[in-house]
Amino acid sequence: MEPLHAIEYELTSELATKVQRTLVPWELRRGWRRDVPLFAGAVVFAALIIWLGLEGWILPGVGGGLICLLALFVIGAIYRRVWSARGAAMSALLALHTSDRRVRIEFSDERVRLEAESFRGEGAWTELDEVNVFPGFWLLQLSSGGQILVPDSLVSPELEAFIRAKAQQVMAPVRQG
């Protein structure tokens, strides 16, 4: 099956740096609501432990130990958040650590396909979760966790209309990043 649109580009260090500097803070801000219950619970438990310690119902050493244990959960959540943001940015930059940094993306009526030196992947348009338009690049996010990076300079008006139509078909939002 012949693709309707095909683009090829080289993932330069400049583009990779721009993508990483854009995506890491964006990913950190994006899912913070997921961690709110953990942080709120930690504050409530810390207040309860302090109150129990002040009332004399638990020893200060035990209260301090419980607060330290609680802090480990909070630090773990923060650590997970930072590394998942970095991982999301790096998954968009698959070709960065290969000798041949050329990336080829083929857009057909049924699916989108990405090829790099050490990676080949494809996803059906029905898997499209959202399209994020950042200054300098577009990011197509699939429900399988895959991400397809398209430099802005290679998005022709025809390709833009095609991507927007496919996103509208599957009710995937197109957002400005």
Protein backbone atom coordinates (compact mmCIF):
# COMPACT_ATOMS: atom_id res chain seq x y z
CA MET A 1 0.00 0.00 0.00
CA GLU A 2 1.47 3.29 -1.11
CA PRO A 3 1.45 6.03 1.59
CA LEU A 4 -0.56 9.17 0.95
CA HIS A 5 2.12 11.35 2.57
CA ALA A 6 5.73 10.52 3.40
CA ILE A 7 8.35 12.69 5.02
CA GLU A 8 11.96 12.08 5.89
CA TYR A 9 14.21 14.14 8.10
CA GLU A 10 17.43 13.93 10.05
CA LEU A 11 17.11 14.27 13.81
CA THR A 12 19.76 16.90 14.47
CA SER A 13 21.14 17.62 17.92
CA GLU A 14 19.61 21.08 17.71
CA LEU A 15 16.11 19.67 17.07
CA ALA A 16 16.55 17.01 19.77
CA THR A 17 17.58 19.64 22.31
CA LYS A 18 14.62 21.82 21.40
CA VAL A 19 12.23 18.87 21.69
CA GLN A 20 13.61 17.76 25.05
CA ARG A 21 13.58 21.29 26.49
CA THR A 22 9.96 21.64 25.41
CA LEU A 23 8.60 18.20 26.29
CA VAL A 24 10.10 17.62 29.76
CA PRO A 25 8.50 20.69 31.42
CA TRP A 26 5.29 20.11 29.46
CA GLU A 27 5.08 16.49 30.66
CA LEU A 28 5.83 17.58 34.24
CA ARG A 29 2.94 20.07 34.17
CA ARG A 30 0.59 17.83 32.24
CA GLY A 31 -0.31 15.07 34.71
CA TRP A 32 0.12 16.72 38.10
CA ARG A 33 -3.51 16.07 39.02
CA ARG A 34 -2.75 12.38 39.23
CA ASP A 35 -0.37 13.02 42.15
CA VAL A 36 -2.63 15.38 44.14
CA PRO A 37 -4.28 12.59 46.21
CA LEU A 38 -0.87 11.28 47.27
CA PHE A 39 0.40 14.70 48.33
CA ALA A 40 -2.87 15.58 50.10
CA GLY A 41 -2.85 12.23 51.89
CA ALA A 42 0.76 12.79 52.94
CA VAL A 43 -0.10 16.19 54.42
CA VAL A 44 -3.09 14.73 56.31
CA PHE A 45 -1.06 11.81 57.68
CA ALA A 46 1.82 14.12 58.65
CA ALA A 47 -0.61 16.39 60.52
CA LEU A 48 -2.14 13.35 62.24
CA ILE A 49 1.27 12.01 63.26
CA ILE A 50 2.31 15.40 64.63
CA TRP A 51 -0.96 15.78 66.52
CA LEU A 52 -0.64 12.27 68.02
CA GLY A 53 2.94 13.05 69.01
CA LEU A 54 1.97 16.33 70.68
CA GLU A 55 -0.86 14.63 72.58
CA GLY A 56 1.59 12.03 73.85
CA TRP A 57 -0.10 9.04 72.22
CA ILE A 58 3.03 8.09 70.29
CA LEU A 59 6.68 8.58 71.15
CA PRO A 60 8.50 11.41 69.35
CA GLY A 61 10.99 8.91 67.86
CA VAL A 62 8.19 6.79 66.44
CA GLY A 63 6.48 9.91 65.03
CA GLY A 64 9.74 11.04 63.44
CA GLY A 65 10.22 7.60 61.90
CA LEU A 66 6.69 7.64 60.51
CA ILE A 67 7.23 11.12 59.04
CA CYS A 68 10.46 9.87 57.38
CA LEU A 69 8.59 6.89 55.94
CA LEU A 70 5.90 9.23 54.64
CA ALA A 71 8.57 11.43 53.07
CA LEU A 72 9.89 8.42 51.15
CA PHE A 73 6.51 8.01 49.43
CA VAL A 74 6.44 11.70 48.49
CA ILE A 75 10.03 11.63 47.21
CA GLY A 76 9.21 8.47 45.24
CA ALA A 77 6.24 10.20 43.59
CA ILE A 78 8.36 13.20 42.65
CA TYR A 79 11.14 10.94 41.33
CA ARG A 80 8.63 8.91 39.28
CA ARG A 81 7.15 12.10 37.84
CA VAL A 82 10.52 13.52 36.75
CA TRP A 83 11.71 10.29 35.17
CA SER A 84 8.43 9.60 33.39
CA ALA A 85 8.63 13.10 31.89
CA ARG A 86 12.19 12.49 30.74
CA GLY A 87 11.22 9.07 29.39
CA ALA A 88 8.34 10.54 27.42
CA ALA A 89 10.66 13.09 25.86
CA MET A 90 13.23 10.44 24.99
CA SER A 91 10.66 8.12 23.43
CA ALA A 92 9.93 10.88 20.93
CA LEU A 93 13.65 11.00 20.11
CA LEU A 94 14.28 7.35 19.23
CA ALA A 95 16.76 8.08 16.47
CA LEU A 96 18.98 10.28 18.65
CA HIS A 97 21.37 7.55 19.80
CA THR A 98 21.90 5.81 16.48
CA SER A 99 24.61 6.31 13.90
CA ASP A 100 22.07 7.14 11.18
CA ARG A 101 19.65 9.73 12.53
CA ARG A 102 17.30 9.68 9.56
CA VAL A 103 13.65 9.22 10.36
CA ARG A 104 10.99 8.34 7.79
CA ILE A 105 7.29 8.74 8.52
CA GLU A 106 4.63 7.39 6.19
CA PHE A 107 1.00 8.44 6.50
CA SER A 108 -1.51 6.11 4.87
CA ASP A 109 -5.28 6.06 5.06
CA GLU A 110 -5.33 3.36 7.75
CA ARG A 111 -2.13 3.90 9.73
CA VAL A 112 0.97 5.94 10.39
CA ARG A 113 4.40 4.31 10.24
CA LEU A 114 7.73 5.49 11.64
CA GLU A 115 11.11 4.08 10.60
CA ALA A 116 14.51 4.84 12.07
CA GLU A 117 17.76 2.88 11.90
CA SER A 118 17.02 0.66 14.89
CA PHE A 119 13.26 1.05 15.20
CA ARG A 120 10.21 0.45 13.09
CA GLY A 121 6.76 1.02 14.45
CA GLU A 122 3.30 1.73 13.25
CA GLY A 123 -0.06 2.54 14.68
CA ALA A 124 -3.56 2.68 13.34
CA TRP A 125 -5.26 6.04 13.26
CA THR A 126 -7.82 4.61 15.70
CA GLU A 127 -4.99 4.55 18.30
CA LEU A 128 -4.42 8.32 18.02
CA ASP A 129 -4.96 9.88 21.47
CA GLU A 130 -4.02 13.47 20.77
CA VAL A 131 -2.04 15.76 18.51
CA ASN A 132 0.07 18.45 20.18
CA VAL A 133 1.38 21.32 18.11
CA PHE A 134 4.46 22.89 19.67
CA PRO A 135 6.61 25.69 18.26
CA GLY A 136 8.90 23.87 15.85
CA PHE A 137 7.31 20.38 15.86
CA TRP A 138 4.13 18.34 16.05
CA LEU A 139 3.75 15.38 18.41
CA LEU A 140 1.28 12.61 17.60
CA GLN A 141 0.56 10.56 20.72
CA LEU A 142 -0.85 7.05 20.38
CA SER A 143 -2.78 5.09 22.98
CA SER A 144 -0.08 2.39 22.88
CA GLY A 145 2.37 4.91 24.36
CA GLY A 146 4.07 5.60 21.05
CA GLN A 147 4.89 9.13 20.02
CA ILE A 148 5.63 10.40 16.54
CA LEU A 149 7.62 13.59 16.17
CA VAL A 150 7.08 15.62 13.00
CA PRO A 151 9.19 18.77 12.49
CA ASP A 152 7.03 21.81 11.79
CA SER A 153 8.95 22.69 8.64
CA LEU A 154 7.87 19.39 7.04
CA VAL A 155 4.17 19.76 7.78
CA SER A 156 2.70 20.90 4.49
CA PRO A 157 -0.83 22.33 4.36
CA GLU A 158 -2.02 19.04 2.81
CA LEU A 159 -0.39 16.97 5.58
CA GLU A 160 -1.78 19.29 8.24
CA ALA A 161 -5.29 18.94 6.82
CA PHE A 162 -4.83 15.15 6.63
CA ILE A 163 -3.67 14.85 10.27
CA ARG A 164 -6.43 17.14 11.52
CA ALA A 165 -9.05 15.14 9.57
CA LYS A 166 -7.77 11.84 11.00
CA ALA A 167 -7.75 13.32 14.51
CA GLN A 168 -11.30 14.54 14.06
CA GLN A 169 -12.38 11.09 12.83
CA VAL A 170 -11.23 9.43 16.05
CA MET A 171 -12.15 12.45 18.23
CA ALA A 172 -8.55 13.05 19.24
CA PRO A 173 -7.95 16.64 20.35
CA VAL A 174 -5.50 18.85 18.48
CA ARG A 175 -3.89 21.12 21.09
CA GLN A 176 -1.38 23.91 21.00
CA GLY A 177 1.51 22.90 23.27
